[in-house]
Amino acid sequence: MNHELWQEPDGCQTFCLAGTRGERARALMQPRAKLIWEVEAESYFEAMTLYYAHMQWGEYLSDFPEQDMIPYKERGWD
């Protein structure tokens, strides 16, 4: 699934799913938010791992790895 990183004018960021699954998150953003990065991932864990690498924050560690590593396809998300 495609994920998006948005930058708001005040410097805040939102990392969310693209498309309809990310609509609620994008609805909370300021009107002048800009899409600054996109990435494809097969699970939440993979998306967050790639996001952390992009931001140069080190290794992403999950409190719920069993849940986070479930592929989106197994959840019925296409």
Protein backbone atom coordinates (compact mmCIF):
# COMPACT_ATOMS: atom_id res chain seq x y z
CA MET A 1 0.00 0.00 0.00
CA ASN A 2 1.09 3.54 -0.66
CA HIS A 3 1.87 5.79 2.32
CA GLU A 4 2.31 9.57 2.30
CA LEU A 5 4.33 12.00 4.37
CA TRP A 6 2.79 15.46 4.59
CA GLN A 7 4.45 18.64 5.89
CA GLU A 8 2.28 21.35 7.39
CA PRO A 9 3.18 25.06 7.35
CA ASP A 10 3.95 24.97 11.10
CA GLY A 11 6.48 22.16 10.60
CA CYS A 12 4.27 19.34 11.87
CA GLN A 13 4.19 16.15 9.84
CA THR A 14 1.59 13.51 9.13
CA PHE A 15 2.51 10.03 7.87
CA CYS A 16 -0.57 8.18 6.71
CA LEU A 17 -2.00 5.79 4.18
CA ALA A 18 -2.71 7.18 0.74
CA GLY A 19 -6.16 7.02 -0.79
CA THR A 20 -9.41 6.50 1.07
CA ARG A 21 -7.77 4.79 4.08
CA GLY A 22 -5.88 8.02 4.86
CA GLU A 23 -8.77 10.44 4.39
CA ARG A 24 -9.42 10.93 8.12
CA ALA A 25 -5.79 11.76 8.82
CA ARG A 26 -5.57 14.19 5.91
CA ALA A 27 -8.81 15.88 6.99
CA LEU A 28 -7.05 16.97 10.20
CA MET A 29 -4.23 18.73 8.34
CA GLN A 30 -3.96 22.42 7.64
CA PRO A 31 -5.13 23.49 4.16
CA ARG A 32 -1.62 24.34 2.94
CA ALA A 33 -0.04 21.00 3.90
CA LYS A 34 2.27 19.62 1.20
CA LEU A 35 2.94 16.05 0.19
CA ILE A 36 6.71 15.61 0.53
CA TRP A 37 7.35 11.85 0.29
CA GLU A 38 5.61 8.63 -0.72
CA VAL A 39 6.53 5.01 -0.09
CA GLU A 40 5.05 1.57 -0.79
CA ALA A 41 4.93 -0.97 2.04
CA GLU A 42 3.28 -4.34 2.59
CA SER A 43 2.64 -3.82 6.32
CA TYR A 44 2.49 -1.12 8.97
CA PHE A 45 5.83 -2.31 10.34
CA GLU A 46 7.49 -2.03 6.93
CA ALA A 47 6.00 1.44 6.39
CA MET A 48 7.26 2.68 9.74
CA THR A 49 10.69 1.11 9.19
CA LEU A 50 10.99 2.96 5.87
CA TYR A 51 9.69 6.19 7.42
CA TYR A 52 12.25 6.01 10.25
CA ALA A 53 15.02 5.38 7.70
CA HIS A 54 13.83 8.33 5.60
CA MET A 55 13.84 10.59 8.66
CA GLN A 56 17.19 9.17 9.82
CA TRP A 57 15.74 8.35 13.25
CA GLY A 58 17.40 4.96 13.62
CA GLU A 59 15.67 1.62 13.96
CA TYR A 60 11.89 1.49 14.27
CA LEU A 61 10.81 -0.62 17.23
CA SER A 62 7.21 -1.67 17.68
CA ASP A 63 5.37 -2.38 20.92
CA PHE A 64 3.15 -4.78 18.95
CA PRO A 65 5.36 -6.43 16.30
CA GLU A 66 3.06 -9.43 15.77
CA GLN A 67 0.20 -7.09 14.84
CA ASP A 68 2.29 -4.55 12.97
CA MET A 69 3.92 -7.16 10.74
CA ILE A 70 0.64 -8.58 9.43
CA PRO A 71 0.59 -7.81 5.70
CA TYR A 72 -2.15 -5.45 4.60
CA LYS A 73 -3.35 -8.12 2.13
CA GLU A 74 -4.07 -10.49 5.03
CA ARG A 75 -6.23 -7.74 6.54
CA GLY A 76 -8.16 -7.56 3.29
CA TRP A 77 -6.71 -4.17 2.35
CA ASP A 78 -5.75 -3.72 -1.28
